[in-house]
Amino acid sequence: MNLWLAAAAIIALATTVVHAWLGGREIARPLLAAERLRNVPKYTMYYCWHLVTIILAGQALAFGLAAFGHASRDLTIFATVSAGLFALWSLGMIGGLRLRLAHFPQWALFAPMAACGALGLWW
């Protein structure tokens, strides 16, 4: 078993749970309750929120399969690079839009996932 990829899988699974549980309560519910937001943008954002849930679960599965040698190197690279890009996009938005780190902690979940994935690919 590749422990680095197993760690990436655990981080991805934890991120999925945090996204679904806290994100559902703090993001999705208020979004759906927003009466001043038109239906097309509201439900498009809600759809995107679910896409992120699916992607996170897919990353957890990809890293988990890779940890036990049941995934291709290409799938592992894809999961690792996407996690790294998600971390960079989060930090870019924080810097570019002058947002607070504490209000947008996605980078802190994706960066260790990407790091563990990269280390798992290396070893």
PDB file of N, CA and C in Angstrom:
ATOM      1  N   MET A   1       0.852  -1.181   0.000  1.00  0.00           N
ATOM      2  CA  MET A   1       0.000   0.000   0.000  1.00  0.00           C
ATOM      3  C   MET A   1       0.891   1.236   0.000  1.00  0.00           C
ATOM      4  N   ASN A   2       0.478   2.226  -0.769  1.00  0.00           N
ATOM      5  CA  ASN A   2       1.180   3.507  -0.826  1.00  0.00           C
ATOM      6  C   ASN A   2       0.536   4.427   0.219  1.00  0.00           C
ATOM      7  N   LEU A   3       1.270   4.670   1.302  1.00  0.00           N
ATOM      8  CA  LEU A   3       0.696   5.445   2.414  1.00  0.00           C
ATOM      9  C   LEU A   3       0.420   6.900   2.047  1.00  0.00           C
ATOM     10  N   TRP A   4       1.238   7.481   1.167  1.00  0.00           N
ATOM     11  CA  TRP A   4       0.983   8.862   0.745  1.00  0.00           C
ATOM     12  C   TRP A   4      -0.333   8.961  -0.015  1.00  0.00           C
ATOM     13  N   LEU A   5      -0.583   8.006  -0.899  1.00  0.00           N
ATOM     14  CA  LEU A   5      -1.849   8.030  -1.652  1.00  0.00           C
ATOM     15  C   LEU A   5      -3.022   7.695  -0.748  1.00  0.00           C
ATOM     16  N   ALA A   6      -2.798   6.843   0.246  1.00  0.00           N
ATOM     17  CA  ALA A   6      -3.849   6.566   1.227  1.00  0.00           C
ATOM     18  C   ALA A   6      -4.187   7.833   2.009  1.00  0.00           C
ATOM     19  N   ALA A   7      -3.150   8.592   2.374  1.00  0.00           N
ATOM     20  CA  ALA A   7      -3.380   9.864   3.077  1.00  0.00           C
ATOM     21  C   ALA A   7      -4.158  10.833   2.189  1.00  0.00           C
ATOM     22  N   ALA A   8      -3.805  10.886   0.905  1.00  0.00           N
ATOM     23  CA  ALA A   8      -4.542  11.752  -0.028  1.00  0.00           C
ATOM     24  C   ALA A   8      -5.998  11.319  -0.117  1.00  0.00           C
ATOM     25  N   ALA A   9      -6.239  10.001  -0.118  1.00  0.00           N
ATOM     26  CA  ALA A   9      -7.610   9.486  -0.165  1.00  0.00           C
ATOM     27  C   ALA A   9      -8.390   9.883   1.087  1.00  0.00           C
ATOM     28  N   ILE A  10      -7.760   9.791   2.239  1.00  0.00           N
ATOM     29  CA  ILE A  10      -8.422  10.161   3.502  1.00  0.00           C
ATOM     30  C   ILE A  10      -8.725  11.660   3.520  1.00  0.00           C
ATOM     31  N   ILE A  11      -7.777  12.463   3.061  1.00  0.00           N
ATOM     32  CA  ILE A  11      -8.003  13.916   2.999  1.00  0.00           C
ATOM     33  C   ILE A  11      -9.144  14.226   2.026  1.00  0.00           C
ATOM     34  N   ALA A  12      -9.153  13.543   0.881  1.00  0.00           N
ATOM     35  CA  ALA A  12     -10.222  13.776  -0.102  1.00  0.00           C
ATOM     36  C   ALA A  12     -11.577  13.346   0.454  1.00  0.00           C
ATOM     37  N   LEU A  13     -11.611  12.224   1.155  1.00  0.00           N
ATOM     38  CA  LEU A  13     -12.871  11.772   1.751  1.00  0.00           C
ATOM     39  C   LEU A  13     -13.334  12.749   2.834  1.00  0.00           C
ATOM     40  N   ALA A  14     -12.413  13.204   3.671  1.00  0.00           N
ATOM     41  CA  ALA A  14     -12.764  14.188   4.712  1.00  0.00           C
ATOM     42  C   ALA A  14     -13.253  15.482   4.075  1.00  0.00           C
ATOM     43  N   THR A  15     -12.615  15.894   2.983  1.00  0.00           N
ATOM     44  CA  THR A  15     -13.036  17.103   2.280  1.00  0.00           C
ATOM     45  C   THR A  15     -14.433  16.927   1.708  1.00  0.00           C
ATOM     46  N   THR A  16     -14.727  15.740   1.198  1.00  0.00           N
ATOM     47  CA  THR A  16     -16.069  15.454   0.681  1.00  0.00           C
ATOM     48  C   THR A  16     -17.110  15.583   1.785  1.00  0.00           C
ATOM     49  N   VAL A  17     -16.805  15.025   2.941  1.00  0.00           N
ATOM     50  CA  VAL A  17     -17.740  15.086   4.076  1.00  0.00           C
ATOM     51  C   VAL A  17     -17.922  16.523   4.553  1.00  0.00           C
ATOM     52  N   VAL A  18     -16.819  17.266   4.672  1.00  0.00           N
ATOM     53  CA  VAL A  18     -16.909  18.670   5.095  1.00  0.00           C
ATOM     54  C   VAL A  18     -17.728  19.472   4.084  1.00  0.00           C
ATOM     55  N   HIS A  19     -17.471  19.244   2.811  1.00  0.00           N
ATOM     56  CA  HIS A  19     -18.205  19.952   1.757  1.00  0.00           C
ATOM     57  C   HIS A  19     -19.702  19.647   1.840  1.00  0.00           C
ATOM     58  N   ALA A  20     -20.033  18.380   1.956  1.00  0.00           N
ATOM     59  CA  ALA A  20     -21.447  17.992   1.976  1.00  0.00           C
ATOM     60  C   ALA A  20     -22.141  18.450   3.250  1.00  0.00           C
ATOM     61  N   TRP A  21     -21.482  18.293   4.385  1.00  0.00           N
ATOM     62  CA  TRP A  21     -22.118  18.609   5.662  1.00  0.00           C
ATOM     63  C   TRP A  21     -22.112  20.115   5.929  1.00  0.00           C
ATOM     64  N   LEU A  22     -20.923  20.700   6.040  1.00  0.00           N
ATOM     65  CA  LEU A  22     -20.849  22.131   6.332  1.00  0.00           C
ATOM     66  C   LEU A  22     -21.287  22.971   5.129  1.00  0.00           C
ATOM     67  N   GLY A  23     -20.843  22.571   3.955  1.00  0.00           N
ATOM     68  CA  GLY A  23     -21.227  23.313   2.755  1.00  0.00           C
ATOM     69  C   GLY A  23     -22.726  23.285   2.519  1.00  0.00           C
ATOM     70  N   GLY A  24     -23.331  22.160   2.808  1.00  0.00           N
ATOM     71  CA  GLY A  24     -24.789  22.073   2.681  1.00  0.00           C
ATOM     72  C   GLY A  24     -25.493  23.047   3.601  1.00  0.00           C
ATOM     73  N   ARG A  25     -24.994  23.110   4.817  1.00  0.00           N
ATOM     74  CA  ARG A  25     -25.607  23.988   5.815  1.00  0.00           C
ATOM     75  C   ARG A  25     -25.262  25.463   5.583  1.00  0.00           C
ATOM     76  N   GLU A  26     -24.002  25.744   5.296  1.00  0.00           N
ATOM     77  CA  GLU A  26     -23.537  27.128   5.221  1.00  0.00           C
ATOM     78  C   GLU A  26     -23.625  27.749   3.831  1.00  0.00           C
ATOM     79  N   ILE A  27     -23.650  26.934   2.785  1.00  0.00           N
ATOM     80  CA  ILE A  27     -23.636  27.461   1.426  1.00  0.00           C
ATOM     81  C   ILE A  27     -24.906  27.094   0.651  1.00  0.00           C
ATOM     82  N   ALA A  28     -25.168  25.810   0.528  1.00  0.00           N
ATOM     83  CA  ALA A  28     -26.283  25.366  -0.332  1.00  0.00           C
ATOM     84  C   ALA A  28     -27.643  25.818   0.201  1.00  0.00           C
ATOM     85  N   ARG A  29     -27.895  25.622   1.485  1.00  0.00           N
ATOM     86  CA  ARG A  29     -29.196  26.017   2.046  1.00  0.00           C
ATOM     87  C   ARG A  29     -29.467  27.514   1.916  1.00  0.00           C
ATOM     88  N   PRO A  30     -28.520  28.373   2.313  1.00  0.00           N
ATOM     89  CA  PRO A  30     -28.757  29.813   2.135  1.00  0.00           C
ATOM     90  C   PRO A  30     -28.893  30.208   0.664  1.00  0.00           C
ATOM     91  N   LEU A  31     -28.144  29.546  -0.199  1.00  0.00           N
ATOM     92  CA  LEU A  31     -28.261  29.821  -1.631  1.00  0.00           C
ATOM     93  C   LEU A  31     -29.676  29.542  -2.118  1.00  0.00           C
ATOM     94  N   LEU A  32     -30.219  28.402  -1.749  1.00  0.00           N
ATOM     95  CA  LEU A  32     -31.576  28.048  -2.183  1.00  0.00           C
ATOM     96  C   LEU A  32     -32.632  28.942  -1.547  1.00  0.00           C
ATOM     97  N   ALA A  33     -32.338  29.474  -0.375  1.00  0.00           N
ATOM     98  CA  ALA A  33     -33.300  30.344   0.314  1.00  0.00           C
ATOM     99  C   ALA A  33     -33.253  31.787  -0.191  1.00  0.00           C
ATOM    100  N   ALA A  34     -32.257  32.126  -0.986  1.00  0.00           N
ATOM    101  CA  ALA A  34     -32.111  33.504  -1.467  1.00  0.00           C
ATOM    102  C   ALA A  34     -33.248  33.846  -2.425  1.00  0.00           C
ATOM    103  N   GLU A  35     -34.125  34.712  -1.968  1.00  0.00           N
ATOM    104  CA  GLU A  35     -35.305  35.064  -2.765  1.00  0.00           C
ATOM    105  C   GLU A  35     -34.991  36.092  -3.849  1.00  0.00           C
ATOM    106  N   ARG A  36     -33.953  36.880  -3.669  1.00  0.00           N
ATOM    107  CA  ARG A  36     -33.638  37.936  -4.632  1.00  0.00           C
ATOM    108  C   ARG A  36     -32.792  37.419  -5.803  1.00  0.00           C
ATOM    109  N   LEU A  37     -32.363  36.188  -5.726  1.00  0.00           N
ATOM    110  CA  LEU A  37     -31.567  35.593  -6.786  1.00  0.00           C
ATOM    111  C   LEU A  37     -32.496  34.881  -7.763  1.00  0.00           C
ATOM    112  N   ARG A  38     -32.324  35.167  -9.040  1.00  0.00           N
ATOM    113  CA  ARG A  38     -33.176  34.521 -10.047  1.00  0.00           C
ATOM    114  C   ARG A  38     -32.894  33.019 -10.090  1.00  0.00           C
ATOM    115  N   ASN A  39     -33.874  32.260 -10.596  1.00  0.00           N
ATOM    116  CA  ASN A  39     -33.776  30.804 -10.589  1.00  0.00           C
ATOM    117  C   ASN A  39     -32.605  30.260 -11.406  1.00  0.00           C
ATOM    118  N   VAL A  40     -32.333  30.817 -12.572  1.00  0.00           N
ATOM    119  CA  VAL A  40     -31.256  30.258 -13.403  1.00  0.00           C
ATOM    120  C   VAL A  40     -29.903  30.360 -12.696  1.00  0.00           C
ATOM    121  N   PRO A  41     -29.485  31.537 -12.211  1.00  0.00           N
ATOM    122  CA  PRO A  41     -28.202  31.556 -11.491  1.00  0.00           C
ATOM    123  C   PRO A  41     -28.239  30.743 -10.196  1.00  0.00           C
ATOM    124  N   LYS A  42     -29.363  30.782  -9.496  1.00  0.00           N
ATOM    125  CA  LYS A  42     -29.466  30.058  -8.224  1.00  0.00           C
ATOM    126  C   LYS A  42     -29.289  28.561  -8.446  1.00  0.00           C
ATOM    127  N   TYR A  43     -30.026  28.008  -9.376  1.00  0.00           N
ATOM    128  CA  TYR A  43     -29.963  26.559  -9.574  1.00  0.00           C
ATOM    129  C   TYR A  43     -28.721  26.132 -10.347  1.00  0.00           C
ATOM    130  N   THR A  44     -28.135  27.029 -11.104  1.00  0.00           N
ATOM    131  CA  THR A  44     -26.848  26.724 -11.734  1.00  0.00           C
ATOM    132  C   THR A  44     -25.780  26.597 -10.656  1.00  0.00           C
ATOM    133  N   MET A  45     -25.778  27.505  -9.696  1.00  0.00           N
ATOM    134  CA  MET A  45     -24.814  27.419  -8.597  1.00  0.00           C
ATOM    135  C   MET A  45     -25.060  26.171  -7.738  1.00  0.00           C
ATOM    136  N   TYR A  46     -26.313  25.840  -7.528  1.00  0.00           N
ATOM    137  CA  TYR A  46     -26.644  24.637  -6.761  1.00  0.00           C
ATOM    138  C   TYR A  46     -26.169  23.393  -7.509  1.00  0.00           C
ATOM    139  N   TYR A  47     -26.334  23.383  -8.814  1.00  0.00           N
ATOM    140  CA  TYR A  47     -25.843  22.300  -9.663  1.00  0.00           C
ATOM    141  C   TYR A  47     -24.319  22.200  -9.540  1.00  0.00           C
ATOM    142  N   CYS A  48     -23.643  23.330  -9.614  1.00  0.00           N
ATOM    143  CA  CYS A  48     -22.176  23.347  -9.489  1.00  0.00           C
ATOM    144  C   CYS A  48     -21.726  22.850  -8.127  1.00  0.00           C
ATOM    145  N   TRP A  49     -22.478  23.179  -7.097  1.00  0.00           N
ATOM    146  CA  TRP A  49     -22.148  22.693  -5.762  1.00  0.00           C
ATOM    147  C   TRP A  49     -22.171  21.161  -5.742  1.00  0.00           C
ATOM    148  N   HIS A  50     -23.174  20.577  -6.388  1.00  0.00           N
ATOM    149  CA  HIS A  50     -23.252  19.117  -6.462  1.00  0.00           C
ATOM    150  C   HIS A  50     -22.144  18.534  -7.334  1.00  0.00           C
ATOM    151  N   LEU A  51     -21.768  19.241  -8.392  1.00  0.00           N
ATOM    152  CA  LEU A  51     -20.638  18.781  -9.214  1.00  0.00           C
ATOM    153  C   LEU A  51     -19.372  18.689  -8.375  1.00  0.00           C
ATOM    154  N   VAL A  52     -19.150  19.666  -7.525  1.00  0.00           N
ATOM    155  CA  VAL A  52     -17.979  19.639  -6.651  1.00  0.00           C
ATOM    156  C   VAL A  52     -18.045  18.426  -5.718  1.00  0.00           C
ATOM    157  N   THR A  53     -19.212  18.123  -5.200  1.00  0.00           N
ATOM    158  CA  THR A  53     -19.373  16.945  -4.352  1.00  0.00           C
ATOM    159  C   THR A  53     -18.965  15.683  -5.105  1.00  0.00           C
ATOM    160  N   ILE A  54     -19.414  15.571  -6.341  1.00  0.00           N
ATOM    161  CA  ILE A  54     -19.090  14.405  -7.161  1.00  0.00           C
ATOM    162  C   ILE A  54     -17.590  14.345  -7.448  1.00  0.00           C
ATOM    163  N   ILE A  55     -16.996  15.479  -7.766  1.00  0.00           N
ATOM    164  CA  ILE A  55     -15.557  15.525  -8.039  1.00  0.00           C
ATOM    165  C   ILE A  55     -14.761  15.124  -6.805  1.00  0.00           C
ATOM    166  N   LEU A  56     -15.137  15.641  -5.659  1.00  0.00           N
ATOM    167  CA  LEU A  56     -14.429  15.295  -4.420  1.00  0.00           C
ATOM    168  C   LEU A  56     -14.525  13.800  -4.127  1.00  0.00           C
ATOM    169  N   ALA A  57     -15.708  13.243  -4.272  1.00  0.00           N
ATOM    170  CA  ALA A  57     -15.871  11.801  -4.051  1.00  0.00           C
ATOM    171  C   ALA A  57     -15.048  11.012  -5.067  1.00  0.00           C
ATOM    172  N   GLY A  58     -14.993  11.494  -6.292  1.00  0.00           N
ATOM    173  CA  GLY A  58     -14.179  10.847  -7.319  1.00  0.00           C
ATOM    174  C   GLY A  58     -12.699  10.902  -6.996  1.00  0.00           C
ATOM    175  N   GLN A  59     -12.250  12.025  -6.461  1.00  0.00           N
ATOM    176  CA  GLN A  59     -10.844  12.128  -6.050  1.00  0.00           C
ATOM    177  C   GLN A  59     -10.548  11.151  -4.915  1.00  0.00           C
ATOM    178  N   ALA A  60     -11.456  11.049  -3.960  1.00  0.00           N
ATOM    179  CA  ALA A  60     -11.256  10.101  -2.859  1.00  0.00           C
ATOM    180  C   ALA A  60     -11.166   8.676  -3.400  1.00  0.00           C
ATOM    181  N   LEU A  61     -12.042   8.333  -4.330  1.00  0.00           N
ATOM    182  CA  LEU A  61     -12.022   7.006  -4.928  1.00  0.00           C
ATOM    183  C   LEU A  61     -10.730   6.778  -5.721  1.00  0.00           C
ATOM    184  N   ALA A  62     -10.344   7.761  -6.530  1.00  0.00           N
ATOM    185  CA  ALA A  62      -9.129   7.633  -7.343  1.00  0.00           C
ATOM    186  C   ALA A  62      -7.898   7.432  -6.464  1.00  0.00           C
ATOM    187  N   PHE A  63      -7.756   8.255  -5.434  1.00  0.00           N
ATOM    188  CA  PHE A  63      -6.601   8.113  -4.542  1.00  0.00           C
ATOM    189  C   PHE A  63      -6.660   6.791  -3.770  1.00  0.00           C
ATOM    190  N   GLY A  64      -7.860   6.402  -3.367  1.00  0.00           N
ATOM    191  CA  GLY A  64      -8.008   5.130  -2.652  1.00  0.00           C
ATOM    192  C   GLY A  64      -7.626   3.943  -3.526  1.00  0.00           C
ATOM    193  N   LEU A  65      -8.098   3.929  -4.750  1.00  0.00           N
ATOM    194  CA  LEU A  65      -7.725   2.853  -5.674  1.00  0.00           C
ATOM    195  C   LEU A  65      -6.227   2.867  -5.942  1.00  0.00           C
ATOM    196  N   ALA A  66      -5.678   4.058  -6.129  1.00  0.00           N
ATOM    197  CA  ALA A  66      -4.245   4.181  -6.403  1.00  0.00           C
ATOM    198  C   ALA A  66      -3.407   3.703  -5.217  1.00  0.00           C
ATOM    199  N   ALA A  67      -3.869   3.971  -4.018  1.00  0.00           N
ATOM    200  CA  ALA A  67      -3.121   3.571  -2.817  1.00  0.00           C
ATOM    201  C   ALA A  67      -2.911   2.058  -2.771  1.00  0.00           C
ATOM    202  N   PHE A  68      -3.874   1.317  -3.301  1.00  0.00           N
ATOM    203  CA  PHE A  68      -3.788  -0.141  -3.295  1.00  0.00           C
ATOM    204  C   PHE A  68      -3.346  -0.715  -4.631  1.00  0.00           C
ATOM    205  N   GLY A  69      -2.887   0.163  -5.523  1.00  0.00           N
ATOM    206  CA  GLY A  69      -2.366  -0.300  -6.802  1.00  0.00           C
ATOM    207  C   GLY A  69      -3.423  -0.678  -7.821  1.00  0.00           C
ATOM    208  N   HIS A  70      -4.657  -0.190  -7.641  1.00  0.00           N
ATOM    209  CA  HIS A  70      -5.751  -0.539  -8.544  1.00  0.00           C
ATOM    210  C   HIS A  70      -6.150   0.598  -9.470  1.00  0.00           C
ATOM    211  N   ALA A  71      -5.293   1.583  -9.634  1.00  0.00           N
ATOM    212  CA  ALA A  71      -5.581   2.717 -10.530  1.00  0.00           C
ATOM    213  C   ALA A  71      -4.346   3.002 -11.362  1.00  0.00           C
ATOM    214  N   SER A  72      -4.577   3.515 -12.540  1.00  0.00           N
ATOM    215  CA  SER A  72      -3.461   3.856 -13.410  1.00  0.00           C
ATOM    216  C   SER A  72      -2.717   5.069 -12.865  1.00  0.00           C
ATOM    217  N   ARG A  73      -1.491   5.194 -13.276  1.00  0.00           N
ATOM    218  CA  ARG A  73      -0.693   6.363 -12.905  1.00  0.00           C
ATOM    219  C   ARG A  73      -1.364   7.628 -13.447  1.00  0.00           C
ATOM    220  N   ASP A  74      -1.948   7.540 -14.640  1.00  0.00           N
ATOM    221  CA  ASP A  74      -2.607   8.702 -15.234  1.00  0.00           C
ATOM    222  C   ASP A  74      -3.764   9.201 -14.366  1.00  0.00           C
ATOM    223  N   LEU A  75      -4.556   8.288 -13.821  1.00  0.00           N
ATOM    224  CA  LEU A  75      -5.660   8.689 -12.941  1.00  0.00           C
ATOM    225  C   LEU A  75      -5.118   9.352 -11.681  1.00  0.00           C
ATOM    226  N   THR A  76      -4.037   8.824 -11.157  1.00  0.00           N
ATOM    227  CA  THR A  76      -3.425   9.397  -9.957  1.00  0.00           C
ATOM    228  C   THR A  76      -2.877  10.787 -10.252  1.00  0.00           C
ATOM    229  N   ILE A  77      -2.257  10.941 -11.400  1.00  0.00           N
ATOM    230  CA  ILE A  77      -1.754  12.260 -11.801  1.00  0.00           C
ATOM    231  C   ILE A  77      -2.913  13.236 -11.952  1.00  0.00           C
ATOM    232  N   PHE A  78      -3.988  12.800 -12.588  1.00  0.00           N
ATOM    233  CA  PHE A  78      -5.151  13.675 -12.762  1.00  0.00           C
ATOM    234  C   PHE A  78      -5.711  14.122 -11.410  1.00  0.00           C
ATOM    235  N   ALA A  79      -5.878  13.194 -10.482  1.00  0.00           N
ATOM    236  CA  ALA A  79      -6.414  13.539  -9.158  1.00  0.00           C
ATOM    237  C   ALA A  79      -5.477  14.501  -8.432  1.00  0.00           C
ATOM    238  N   THR A  80      -4.177  14.274  -8.554  1.00  0.00           N
ATOM    239  CA  THR A  80      -3.189  15.122  -7.887  1.00  0.00           C
ATOM    240  C   THR A  80      -3.146  16.520  -8.496  1.00  0.00           C
ATOM    241  N   VAL A  81      -3.068  16.581  -9.818  1.00  0.00           N
ATOM    242  CA  VAL A  81      -2.990  17.882 -10.493  1.00  0.00           C
ATOM    243  C   VAL A  81      -4.278  18.670 -10.278  1.00  0.00           C
ATOM    244  N   SER A  82      -5.429  18.013 -10.353  1.00  0.00           N
ATOM    245  CA  SER A  82      -6.687  18.749 -10.135  1.00  0.00           C
ATOM    246  C   SER A  82      -6.751  19.302  -8.717  1.00  0.00           C
ATOM    247  N   ALA A  83      -6.306  18.534  -7.726  1.00  0.00           N
ATOM    248  CA  ALA A  83      -6.283  19.036  -6.341  1.00  0.00           C
ATOM    249  C   ALA A  83      -5.355  20.243  -6.235  1.00  0.00           C
ATOM    250  N   GLY A  84      -4.202  20.173  -6.877  1.00  0.00           N
ATOM    251  CA  GLY A  84      -3.274  21.302  -6.861  1.00  0.00           C
ATOM    252  C   GLY A  84      -3.852  22.533  -7.534  1.00  0.00           C
ATOM    253  N   LEU A  85      -4.518  22.331  -8.664  1.00  0.00           N
ATOM    254  CA  LEU A  85      -5.136  23.462  -9.364  1.00  0.00           C
ATOM    255  C   LEU A  85      -6.274  24.068  -8.550  1.00  0.00           C
ATOM    256  N   PHE A  86      -7.031  23.222  -7.863  1.00  0.00           N
ATOM    257  CA  PHE A  86      -8.116  23.743  -7.012  1.00  0.00           C
ATOM    258  C   PHE A  86      -7.535  24.591  -5.877  1.00  0.00           C
ATOM    259  N   ALA A  87      -6.419  24.149  -5.296  1.00  0.00           N
ATOM    260  CA  ALA A  87      -5.770  24.924  -4.238  1.00  0.00           C
ATOM    261  C   ALA A  87      -5.281  26.260  -4.781  1.00  0.00           C
ATOM    262  N   LEU A  88      -4.631  26.217  -5.942  1.00  0.00           N
ATOM    263  CA  LEU A  88      -4.134  27.459  -6.546  1.00  0.00           C
ATOM    264  C   LEU A  88      -5.264  28.408  -6.918  1.00  0.00           C
ATOM    265  N   TRP A  89      -6.356  27.872  -7.455  1.00  0.00           N
ATOM    266  CA  TRP A  89      -7.496  28.725  -7.817  1.00  0.00           C
ATOM    267  C   TRP A  89      -8.077  29.393  -6.576  1.00  0.00           C
ATOM    268  N   SER A  90      -8.178  28.637  -5.495  1.00  0.00           N
ATOM    269  CA  SER A  90      -8.682  29.194  -4.238  1.00  0.00           C
ATOM    270  C   SER A  90      -7.792  30.331  -3.754  1.00  0.00           C
ATOM    271  N   LEU A  91      -6.488  30.099  -3.746  1.00  0.00           N
ATOM    272  CA  LEU A  91      -5.557  31.144  -3.300  1.00  0.00           C
ATOM    273  C   LEU A  91      -5.565  32.338  -4.256  1.00  0.00           C
ATOM    274  N   GLY A  92      -5.688  32.067  -5.549  1.00  0.00           N
ATOM    275  CA  GLY A  92      -5.769  33.150  -6.528  1.00  0.00           C
ATOM    276  C   GLY A  92      -6.993  34.021  -6.324  1.00  0.00           C
ATOM    277  N   MET A  93      -8.128  33.391  -6.034  1.00  0.00           N
ATOM    278  CA  MET A  93      -9.345  34.162  -5.764  1.00  0.00           C
ATOM    279  C   MET A  93      -9.198  34.979  -4.484  1.00  0.00           C
ATOM    280  N   ILE A  94      -8.602  34.361  -3.468  1.00  0.00           N
ATOM    281  CA  ILE A  94      -8.406  35.069  -2.195  1.00  0.00           C
ATOM    282  C   ILE A  94      -7.546  36.306  -2.414  1.00  0.00           C
ATOM    283  N   GLY A  95      -6.447  36.135  -3.125  1.00  0.00           N
ATOM    284  CA  GLY A  95      -5.565  37.266  -3.374  1.00  0.00           C
ATOM    285  C   GLY A  95      -6.160  38.277  -4.338  1.00  0.00           C
ATOM    286  N   GLY A  96      -6.719  37.790  -5.419  1.00  0.00           N
ATOM    287  CA  GLY A  96      -7.248  38.685  -6.448  1.00  0.00           C
ATOM    288  C   GLY A  96      -8.478  39.463  -6.020  1.00  0.00           C
ATOM    289  N   LEU A  97      -9.312  38.841  -5.201  1.00  0.00           N
ATOM    290  CA  LEU A  97     -10.550  39.490  -4.769  1.00  0.00           C
ATOM    291  C   LEU A  97     -10.451  40.037  -3.342  1.00  0.00           C
ATOM    292  N   ARG A  98      -9.262  39.906  -2.759  1.00  0.00           N
ATOM    293  CA  ARG A  98      -8.999  40.374  -1.393  1.00  0.00           C
ATOM    294  C   ARG A  98      -9.990  39.781  -0.382  1.00  0.00           C
ATOM    295  N   LEU A  99     -10.098  38.473  -0.451  1.00  0.00           N
ATOM    296  CA  LEU A  99     -10.975  37.739   0.455  1.00  0.00           C
ATOM    297  C   LEU A  99     -10.173  37.299   1.678  1.00  0.00           C
ATOM    298  N   ARG A 100     -10.856  36.884   2.707  1.00  0.00           N
ATOM    299  CA  ARG A 100     -10.190  36.420   3.924  1.00  0.00           C
ATOM    300  C   ARG A 100      -9.884  34.930   3.829  1.00  0.00           C
ATOM    301  N   LEU A 101      -8.672  34.574   4.212  1.00  0.00           N
ATOM    302  CA  LEU A 101      -8.257  33.163   4.204  1.00  0.00           C
ATOM    303  C   LEU A 101      -9.218  32.289   4.997  1.00  0.00           C
ATOM    304  N   ALA A 102      -9.629  32.776   6.149  1.00  0.00           N
ATOM    305  CA  ALA A 102     -10.501  31.987   7.027  1.00  0.00           C
ATOM    306  C   ALA A 102     -11.890  31.774   6.429  1.00  0.00           C
ATOM    307  N   HIS A 103     -12.336  32.673   5.569  1.00  0.00           N
ATOM    308  CA  HIS A 103     -13.660  32.540   4.960  1.00  0.00           C
ATOM    309  C   HIS A 103     -13.651  31.613   3.753  1.00  0.00           C
ATOM    310  N   PHE A 104     -12.465  31.363   3.193  1.00  0.00           N
ATOM    311  CA  PHE A 104     -12.336  30.526   1.997  1.00  0.00           C
ATOM    312  C   PHE A 104     -11.215  29.506   2.219  1.00  0.00           C
ATOM    313  N   PRO A 105     -11.477  28.499   3.076  1.00  0.00           N
ATOM    314  CA  PRO A 105     -10.424  27.564   3.472  1.00  0.00           C
ATOM    315  C   PRO A 105     -10.195  26.404   2.503  1.00  0.00           C
ATOM    316  N   GLN A 106     -10.790  26.444   1.332  1.00  0.00           N
ATOM    317  CA  GLN A 106     -10.677  25.325   0.403  1.00  0.00           C
ATOM    318  C   GLN A 106      -9.218  24.989   0.100  1.00  0.00           C
ATOM    319  N   TRP A 107      -8.390  26.008  -0.036  1.00  0.00           N
ATOM    320  CA  TRP A 107      -6.974  25.803  -0.330  1.00  0.00           C
ATOM    321  C   TRP A 107      -6.317  24.912   0.715  1.00  0.00           C
ATOM    322  N   ALA A 108      -6.736  25.065   1.981  1.00  0.00           N
ATOM    323  CA  ALA A 108      -6.130  24.311   3.075  1.00  0.00           C
ATOM    324  C   ALA A 108      -6.522  22.836   3.046  1.00  0.00           C
ATOM    325  N   LEU A 109      -7.540  22.489   2.293  1.00  0.00           N
ATOM    326  CA  LEU A 109      -7.926  21.091   2.125  1.00  0.00           C
ATOM    327  C   LEU A 109      -7.283  20.498   0.869  1.00  0.00           C
ATOM    328  N   PHE A 110      -7.249  21.290  -0.202  1.00  0.00           N
ATOM    329  CA  PHE A 110      -6.707  20.787  -1.458  1.00  0.00           C
ATOM    330  C   PHE A 110      -5.178  20.734  -1.487  1.00  0.00           C
ATOM    331  N   ALA A 111      -4.512  21.666  -0.832  1.00  0.00           N
ATOM    332  CA  ALA A 111      -3.044  21.683  -0.865  1.00  0.00           C
ATOM    333  C   ALA A 111      -2.436  20.412  -0.252  1.00  0.00           C
ATOM    334  N   PRO A 112      -2.869  19.976   0.938  1.00  0.00           N
ATOM    335  CA  PRO A 112      -2.307  18.729   1.476  1.00  0.00           C
ATOM    336  C   PRO A 112      -2.686  17.506   0.646  1.00  0.00           C
ATOM    337  N   MET A 113      -3.881  17.530   0.056  1.00  0.00           N
ATOM    338  CA  MET A 113      -4.291  16.435  -0.809  1.00  0.00           C
ATOM    339  C   MET A 113      -3.342  16.333  -2.004  1.00  0.00           C
ATOM    340  N   ALA A 114      -3.061  17.469  -2.616  1.00  0.00           N
ATOM    341  CA  ALA A 114      -2.154  17.501  -3.764  1.00  0.00           C
ATOM    342  C   ALA A 114      -0.738  17.106  -3.353  1.00  0.00           C
ATOM    343  N   ALA A 115      -0.298  17.589  -2.205  1.00  0.00           N
ATOM    344  CA  ALA A 115       1.052  17.266  -1.729  1.00  0.00           C
ATOM    345  C   ALA A 115       1.193  15.767  -1.475  1.00  0.00           C
ATOM    346  N   CYS A 116       0.211  15.184  -0.820  1.00  0.00           N
ATOM    347  CA  CYS A 116       0.265  13.736  -0.562  1.00  0.00           C
ATOM    348  C   CYS A 116       0.196  12.949  -1.873  1.00  0.00           C
ATOM    349  N   GLY A 117      -0.633  13.413  -2.800  1.00  0.00           N
ATOM    350  CA  GLY A 117      -0.695  12.760  -4.105  1.00  0.00           C
ATOM    351  C   GLY A 117       0.633  12.821  -4.826  1.00  0.00           C
ATOM    352  N   ALA A 118       1.279  13.981  -4.790  1.00  0.00           N
ATOM    353  CA  ALA A 118       2.578  14.146  -5.453  1.00  0.00           C
ATOM    354  C   ALA A 118       3.633  13.253  -4.797  1.00  0.00           C
ATOM    355  N   LEU A 119       3.652  13.223  -3.477  1.00  0.00           N
ATOM    356  CA  LEU A 119       4.602  12.357  -2.776  1.00  0.00           C
ATOM    357  C   LEU A 119       4.329  10.878  -3.077  1.00  0.00           C
ATOM    358  N   GLY A 120       3.052  10.524  -3.173  1.00  0.00           N
ATOM    359  CA  GLY A 120       2.687   9.151  -3.511  1.00  0.00           C
ATOM    360  C   GLY A 120       3.109   8.772  -4.921  1.00  0.00           C
ATOM    361  N   LEU A 121       3.061   9.712  -5.833  1.00  0.00           N
ATOM    362  CA  LEU A 121       3.530   9.456  -7.191  1.00  0.00           C
ATOM    363  C   LEU A 121       5.050   9.316  -7.232  1.00  0.00           C
ATOM    364  N   TRP A 122       5.721  10.045  -6.368  1.00  0.00           N
ATOM    365  CA  TRP A 122       7.179  10.032  -6.317  1.00  0.00           C
ATOM    366  C   TRP A 122       7.698   8.720  -5.751  1.00  0.00           C
ATOM    367  N   TRP A 123       7.037   8.224  -4.670  1.00  0.00           N
ATOM    368  CA  TRP A 123       7.501   7.003  -4.033  1.00  0.00           C
ATOM    369  C   TRP A 123       6.736   5.824  -4.515  1.00  0.00           C
TER     370      TRP A 123
END
